Amino acid sequence: MSIVTSDGATLRAFADAVLRMAEETLDEVAPVVMAVIGGILAEAEPGSVALEDEDAGPGRLWATFAGRRMVLRYNAMTAMIELRADTAEGYPLRLFGRRSLQMDIVNFFGGLHREHRLNR
C-alpha cells in the first residue's frame, strides 16, 4: 500500500526508518542517506514520491525522475541504498553506500535532470 503525503514528509519518514535500521552503521549510513534524500528532493517530479510499507525494514521509496519511475530500498546487510528502475526486483541500477563518492551521487541525480531537459 502506498502512502502519499507531501514529498518532504514522505522523505523524512523514509530517512528516519533507514537511520533507525542502520543503528550499528549509523556513522557510515547517515551521510549517504542525507545525500540521496537531497538528490530525490531536488530531482524527483513533484508529487511522485511515495513510501510503500514493508513488514520488516523502512519500506520502499518510489519516485519519478525525468519521467522514469524508480524505487529505492535500504539493504541492512550491505548498509547500502539500492536503486532500481521500474521494478523492485532484480539487480540494482545503482548502489549508494559509504564508498560512494559525493560526486557519484550528485552526478547521478544531476544527470537525470540534464537528460530530461535535453529530451524536451
N, C-alpha and C. Protein backbone atom coordinates (compact mmCIF):
# COMPACT_ATOMS: atom_id res chain seq x y z
N MET A 1 0.83 -1.18 0.00
CA MET A 1 0.00 0.00 0.00
C MET A 1 0.88 1.24 0.00
N SER A 2 0.66 2.14 -0.92
CA SER A 2 1.42 3.38 -0.99
C SER A 2 0.73 4.46 -0.18
N ILE A 3 1.53 5.23 0.50
CA ILE A 3 1.02 6.36 1.26
C ILE A 3 1.65 7.61 0.67
N VAL A 4 0.83 8.49 0.12
CA VAL A 4 1.34 9.72 -0.45
C VAL A 4 0.94 10.86 0.47
N THR A 5 1.92 11.56 0.99
CA THR A 5 1.66 12.77 1.75
C THR A 5 2.36 13.87 0.98
N SER A 6 3.09 14.71 1.63
CA SER A 6 3.92 15.64 0.89
C SER A 6 5.25 14.93 0.63
N ASP A 7 5.95 15.35 -0.41
CA ASP A 7 7.23 14.72 -0.71
C ASP A 7 8.19 14.83 0.49
N GLY A 8 8.21 15.99 1.14
CA GLY A 8 9.11 16.20 2.28
C GLY A 8 8.79 15.28 3.44
N ALA A 9 7.52 15.13 3.78
CA ALA A 9 7.13 14.26 4.89
C ALA A 9 7.43 12.80 4.56
N THR A 10 7.21 12.41 3.32
CA THR A 10 7.48 11.04 2.91
C THR A 10 8.98 10.75 2.95
N LEU A 11 9.78 11.69 2.46
CA LEU A 11 11.23 11.52 2.51
C LEU A 11 11.74 11.48 3.94
N ARG A 12 11.18 12.30 4.79
CA ARG A 12 11.57 12.31 6.20
C ARG A 12 11.25 10.96 6.86
N ALA A 13 10.09 10.40 6.56
CA ALA A 13 9.71 9.10 7.12
C ALA A 13 10.66 8.01 6.64
N PHE A 14 11.03 8.03 5.36
CA PHE A 14 11.95 7.04 4.82
C PHE A 14 13.33 7.19 5.48
N ALA A 15 13.83 8.41 5.55
CA ALA A 15 15.15 8.65 6.15
C ALA A 15 15.17 8.21 7.61
N ASP A 16 14.13 8.54 8.34
CA ASP A 16 14.05 8.15 9.75
C ASP A 16 14.08 6.63 9.90
N ALA A 17 13.32 5.93 9.08
CA ALA A 17 13.27 4.47 9.15
C ALA A 17 14.63 3.86 8.80
N VAL A 18 15.29 4.39 7.77
CA VAL A 18 16.61 3.88 7.39
C VAL A 18 17.61 4.12 8.51
N LEU A 19 17.63 5.31 9.07
CA LEU A 19 18.59 5.63 10.12
C LEU A 19 18.35 4.80 11.37
N ARG A 20 17.11 4.51 11.69
CA ARG A 20 16.84 3.63 12.83
C ARG A 20 17.32 2.22 12.55
N MET A 21 17.14 1.76 11.32
CA MET A 21 17.56 0.40 10.96
C MET A 21 19.09 0.28 10.89
N ALA A 22 19.75 1.39 10.61
CA ALA A 22 21.21 1.39 10.43
C ALA A 22 21.95 1.76 11.72
N GLU A 23 21.35 1.49 12.85
CA GLU A 23 21.90 1.92 14.13
C GLU A 23 23.37 1.53 14.30
N GLU A 24 23.73 0.30 13.90
CA GLU A 24 25.11 -0.17 14.09
C GLU A 24 26.10 0.48 13.13
N THR A 25 25.62 0.96 12.00
CA THR A 25 26.50 1.58 11.00
C THR A 25 26.09 3.03 10.74
N LEU A 26 25.50 3.65 11.73
CA LEU A 26 24.92 4.99 11.56
C LEU A 26 25.92 6.02 11.04
N ASP A 27 27.15 6.01 11.54
CA ASP A 27 28.15 6.98 11.10
C ASP A 27 28.44 6.86 9.61
N GLU A 28 28.36 5.66 9.08
CA GLU A 28 28.61 5.44 7.65
C GLU A 28 27.38 5.72 6.80
N VAL A 29 26.22 5.38 7.33
CA VAL A 29 24.99 5.45 6.54
C VAL A 29 24.38 6.85 6.51
N ALA A 30 24.47 7.58 7.62
CA ALA A 30 23.80 8.88 7.72
C ALA A 30 24.18 9.85 6.59
N PRO A 31 25.47 10.04 6.27
CA PRO A 31 25.80 10.97 5.19
C PRO A 31 25.24 10.53 3.83
N VAL A 32 25.21 9.24 3.59
CA VAL A 32 24.69 8.71 2.33
C VAL A 32 23.18 8.96 2.24
N VAL A 33 22.49 8.69 3.34
CA VAL A 33 21.04 8.90 3.38
C VAL A 33 20.73 10.37 3.11
N MET A 34 21.44 11.26 3.75
CA MET A 34 21.18 12.69 3.57
C MET A 34 21.45 13.13 2.13
N ALA A 35 22.51 12.61 1.53
CA ALA A 35 22.82 12.97 0.14
C ALA A 35 21.76 12.43 -0.82
N VAL A 36 21.35 11.20 -0.63
CA VAL A 36 20.34 10.59 -1.51
C VAL A 36 19.00 11.30 -1.34
N ILE A 37 18.60 11.58 -0.10
CA ILE A 37 17.35 12.29 0.15
C ILE A 37 17.40 13.67 -0.51
N GLY A 38 18.51 14.34 -0.41
CA GLY A 38 18.67 15.64 -1.07
C GLY A 38 18.53 15.53 -2.58
N GLY A 39 19.12 14.50 -3.16
CA GLY A 39 19.00 14.28 -4.60
C GLY A 39 17.57 14.02 -5.02
N ILE A 40 16.88 13.23 -4.22
CA ILE A 40 15.47 12.94 -4.52
C ILE A 40 14.64 14.21 -4.42
N LEU A 41 14.84 14.95 -3.35
CA LEU A 41 14.07 16.18 -3.14
C LEU A 41 14.31 17.18 -4.27
N ALA A 42 15.55 17.25 -4.75
CA ALA A 42 15.88 18.20 -5.80
C ALA A 42 15.42 17.75 -7.18
N GLU A 43 15.44 16.45 -7.45
CA GLU A 43 15.24 15.99 -8.82
C GLU A 43 13.98 15.19 -9.09
N ALA A 44 13.31 14.67 -8.07
CA ALA A 44 12.09 13.89 -8.31
C ALA A 44 10.97 14.82 -8.77
N GLU A 45 10.12 14.28 -9.62
CA GLU A 45 8.97 15.06 -10.07
C GLU A 45 8.06 15.33 -8.87
N PRO A 46 7.63 16.57 -8.68
CA PRO A 46 6.79 16.91 -7.53
C PRO A 46 5.55 16.02 -7.46
N GLY A 47 5.27 15.55 -6.25
CA GLY A 47 4.10 14.71 -6.03
C GLY A 47 4.28 13.26 -6.41
N SER A 48 5.47 12.88 -6.86
CA SER A 48 5.69 11.49 -7.31
C SER A 48 6.27 10.60 -6.23
N VAL A 49 6.63 11.15 -5.09
CA VAL A 49 7.30 10.39 -4.04
C VAL A 49 6.27 9.67 -3.18
N ALA A 50 6.43 8.36 -3.03
CA ALA A 50 5.51 7.55 -2.22
C ALA A 50 6.30 6.48 -1.48
N LEU A 51 5.88 6.20 -0.27
CA LEU A 51 6.53 5.19 0.55
C LEU A 51 5.64 3.97 0.62
N GLU A 52 6.20 2.83 0.21
CA GLU A 52 5.49 1.56 0.25
C GLU A 52 5.93 0.82 1.50
N ASP A 53 4.99 0.51 2.36
CA ASP A 53 5.30 -0.18 3.61
C ASP A 53 5.81 -1.59 3.36
N GLU A 54 6.75 -2.01 4.22
CA GLU A 54 7.22 -3.39 4.26
C GLU A 54 7.09 -3.85 5.70
N ASP A 55 6.87 -5.14 5.88
CA ASP A 55 6.74 -5.68 7.24
C ASP A 55 8.01 -5.47 8.05
N ALA A 56 9.14 -5.73 7.44
CA ALA A 56 10.42 -5.55 8.12
C ALA A 56 11.24 -4.54 7.34
N GLY A 57 11.67 -3.50 7.99
CA GLY A 57 12.51 -2.53 7.33
C GLY A 57 11.78 -1.24 7.01
N PRO A 58 12.53 -0.32 6.39
CA PRO A 58 11.99 1.02 6.16
C PRO A 58 11.02 1.12 4.99
N GLY A 59 10.84 0.07 4.25
CA GLY A 59 9.94 0.13 3.10
C GLY A 59 10.67 0.57 1.85
N ARG A 60 9.91 0.67 0.80
CA ARG A 60 10.46 1.08 -0.49
C ARG A 60 9.98 2.49 -0.79
N LEU A 61 10.89 3.30 -1.26
CA LEU A 61 10.56 4.67 -1.63
C LEU A 61 10.49 4.76 -3.15
N TRP A 62 9.32 5.08 -3.67
CA TRP A 62 9.12 5.22 -5.11
C TRP A 62 9.14 6.70 -5.47
N ALA A 63 9.75 7.03 -6.61
CA ALA A 63 9.76 8.41 -7.09
C ALA A 63 9.96 8.38 -8.61
N THR A 64 9.53 9.43 -9.26
CA THR A 64 9.69 9.54 -10.70
C THR A 64 10.73 10.61 -11.00
N PHE A 65 11.71 10.23 -11.84
CA PHE A 65 12.78 11.12 -12.25
C PHE A 65 12.77 11.18 -13.77
N ALA A 66 12.63 12.36 -14.31
CA ALA A 66 12.66 12.55 -15.77
C ALA A 66 11.71 11.58 -16.48
N GLY A 67 10.54 11.38 -15.90
CA GLY A 67 9.53 10.51 -16.49
C GLY A 67 9.73 9.03 -16.25
N ARG A 68 10.74 8.67 -15.49
CA ARG A 68 11.02 7.25 -15.21
C ARG A 68 10.80 6.93 -13.74
N ARG A 69 9.97 5.93 -13.47
CA ARG A 69 9.65 5.52 -12.10
C ARG A 69 10.79 4.68 -11.54
N MET A 70 11.26 5.05 -10.35
CA MET A 70 12.36 4.33 -9.71
C MET A 70 12.01 4.04 -8.26
N VAL A 71 12.66 3.02 -7.72
CA VAL A 71 12.42 2.63 -6.34
C VAL A 71 13.76 2.54 -5.61
N LEU A 72 13.76 3.03 -4.37
CA LEU A 72 14.93 2.96 -3.51
C LEU A 72 14.58 2.15 -2.28
N ARG A 73 15.53 1.31 -1.87
CA ARG A 73 15.33 0.45 -0.72
C ARG A 73 16.64 0.32 0.02
N TYR A 74 16.59 0.40 1.34
CA TYR A 74 17.79 0.23 2.15
C TYR A 74 18.01 -1.24 2.44
N ASN A 75 19.23 -1.71 2.18
CA ASN A 75 19.61 -3.09 2.46
C ASN A 75 20.52 -3.07 3.68
N ALA A 76 20.01 -3.53 4.81
CA ALA A 76 20.77 -3.51 6.07
C ALA A 76 21.98 -4.43 6.03
N MET A 77 21.92 -5.49 5.25
CA MET A 77 23.05 -6.44 5.18
C MET A 77 24.27 -5.81 4.53
N THR A 78 24.05 -4.92 3.56
CA THR A 78 25.17 -4.28 2.88
C THR A 78 25.36 -2.83 3.31
N ALA A 79 24.41 -2.31 4.10
CA ALA A 79 24.41 -0.91 4.53
C ALA A 79 24.41 0.03 3.32
N MET A 80 23.62 -0.34 2.30
CA MET A 80 23.55 0.47 1.09
C MET A 80 22.11 0.72 0.68
N ILE A 81 21.90 1.84 0.02
CA ILE A 81 20.61 2.13 -0.57
C ILE A 81 20.66 1.64 -2.01
N GLU A 82 19.72 0.79 -2.35
CA GLU A 82 19.66 0.21 -3.70
C GLU A 82 18.62 0.98 -4.51
N LEU A 83 18.95 1.28 -5.75
CA LEU A 83 18.02 1.96 -6.64
C LEU A 83 17.75 1.08 -7.84
N ARG A 84 16.49 0.88 -8.13
CA ARG A 84 16.08 0.08 -9.29
C ARG A 84 15.13 0.91 -10.14
N ALA A 85 15.12 0.64 -11.42
CA ALA A 85 14.23 1.35 -12.35
C ALA A 85 13.04 0.48 -12.69
N ASP A 86 11.85 1.02 -12.55
CA ASP A 86 10.59 0.42 -12.98
C ASP A 86 10.13 -0.81 -12.20
N THR A 87 10.97 -1.40 -11.38
CA THR A 87 10.61 -2.61 -10.64
C THR A 87 11.39 -2.67 -9.33
N ALA A 88 10.83 -3.36 -8.35
CA ALA A 88 11.51 -3.54 -7.08
C ALA A 88 12.35 -4.82 -7.08
N GLU A 89 12.31 -5.57 -8.16
CA GLU A 89 13.02 -6.85 -8.26
C GLU A 89 14.27 -6.70 -9.13
N GLY A 90 15.14 -7.68 -9.06
CA GLY A 90 16.31 -7.73 -9.92
C GLY A 90 17.49 -6.96 -9.36
N TYR A 91 18.54 -6.92 -10.15
CA TYR A 91 19.78 -6.28 -9.74
C TYR A 91 19.62 -4.76 -9.73
N PRO A 92 20.16 -4.08 -8.71
CA PRO A 92 20.03 -2.62 -8.64
C PRO A 92 20.75 -1.91 -9.79
N LEU A 93 20.14 -0.83 -10.23
CA LEU A 93 20.75 0.05 -11.22
C LEU A 93 21.92 0.80 -10.61
N ARG A 94 21.74 1.23 -9.35
CA ARG A 94 22.77 1.94 -8.60
C ARG A 94 22.77 1.47 -7.15
N LEU A 95 23.93 1.55 -6.54
CA LEU A 95 24.08 1.28 -5.11
C LEU A 95 24.73 2.52 -4.48
N PHE A 96 24.12 3.02 -3.42
CA PHE A 96 24.67 4.16 -2.72
C PHE A 96 25.06 3.71 -1.32
N GLY A 97 26.36 3.82 -1.01
CA GLY A 97 26.86 3.40 0.29
C GLY A 97 28.04 4.24 0.71
N ARG A 98 28.70 3.80 1.78
CA ARG A 98 29.80 4.60 2.34
C ARG A 98 30.96 4.79 1.36
N ARG A 99 31.09 3.91 0.41
CA ARG A 99 32.16 4.03 -0.57
C ARG A 99 31.76 4.87 -1.78
N SER A 100 30.52 5.29 -1.82
CA SER A 100 30.07 6.16 -2.91
C SER A 100 30.70 7.54 -2.73
N LEU A 101 31.25 8.04 -3.80
CA LEU A 101 31.79 9.39 -3.74
C LEU A 101 30.64 10.38 -3.79
N GLN A 102 30.80 11.50 -3.13
CA GLN A 102 29.77 12.53 -3.16
C GLN A 102 29.41 12.89 -4.59
N MET A 103 30.41 13.00 -5.44
CA MET A 103 30.16 13.39 -6.83
C MET A 103 29.41 12.31 -7.60
N ASP A 104 29.55 11.05 -7.21
CA ASP A 104 28.77 9.98 -7.85
C ASP A 104 27.27 10.21 -7.63
N ILE A 105 26.93 10.59 -6.41
CA ILE A 105 25.52 10.83 -6.08
C ILE A 105 25.05 12.09 -6.80
N VAL A 106 25.83 13.15 -6.75
CA VAL A 106 25.47 14.40 -7.43
C VAL A 106 25.34 14.17 -8.93
N ASN A 107 26.30 13.47 -9.51
CA ASN A 107 26.26 13.23 -10.96
C ASN A 107 25.07 12.36 -11.35
N PHE A 108 24.69 11.39 -10.53
CA PHE A 108 23.56 10.55 -10.86
C PHE A 108 22.28 11.37 -10.89
N PHE A 109 21.98 12.07 -9.80
CA PHE A 109 20.73 12.83 -9.75
C PHE A 109 20.77 14.01 -10.70
N GLY A 110 21.89 14.68 -10.82
CA GLY A 110 22.01 15.79 -11.77
C GLY A 110 21.94 15.32 -13.20
N GLY A 111 22.47 14.12 -13.47
CA GLY A 111 22.40 13.54 -14.81
C GLY A 111 20.98 13.26 -15.24
N LEU A 112 20.14 12.83 -14.31
CA LEU A 112 18.73 12.61 -14.62
C LEU A 112 18.07 13.90 -15.05
N HIS A 113 18.40 14.99 -14.37
CA HIS A 113 17.82 16.29 -14.69
C HIS A 113 18.29 16.77 -16.07
N ARG A 114 19.59 16.64 -16.32
CA ARG A 114 20.12 17.07 -17.62
C ARG A 114 19.52 16.25 -18.75
N GLU A 115 19.40 14.93 -18.55
CA GLU A 115 18.83 14.05 -19.57
C GLU A 115 17.38 14.44 -19.89
N HIS A 116 16.61 14.73 -18.87
CA HIS A 116 15.21 15.12 -19.06
C HIS A 116 15.12 16.45 -19.80
N ARG A 117 15.97 17.40 -19.44
CA ARG A 117 15.98 18.72 -20.08
C ARG A 117 16.35 18.61 -21.55
N LEU A 118 17.29 17.74 -21.89
CA LEU A 118 17.72 17.57 -23.27
C LEU A 118 16.66 16.88 -24.13
N ASN A 119 15.85 16.02 -23.50
CA ASN A 119 14.83 15.26 -24.25
C ASN A 119 13.52 16.02 -24.41
N ARG A 120 13.42 17.22 -23.93
CA ARG A 120 12.19 18.00 -24.08
C ARG A 120 12.03 18.51 -25.49
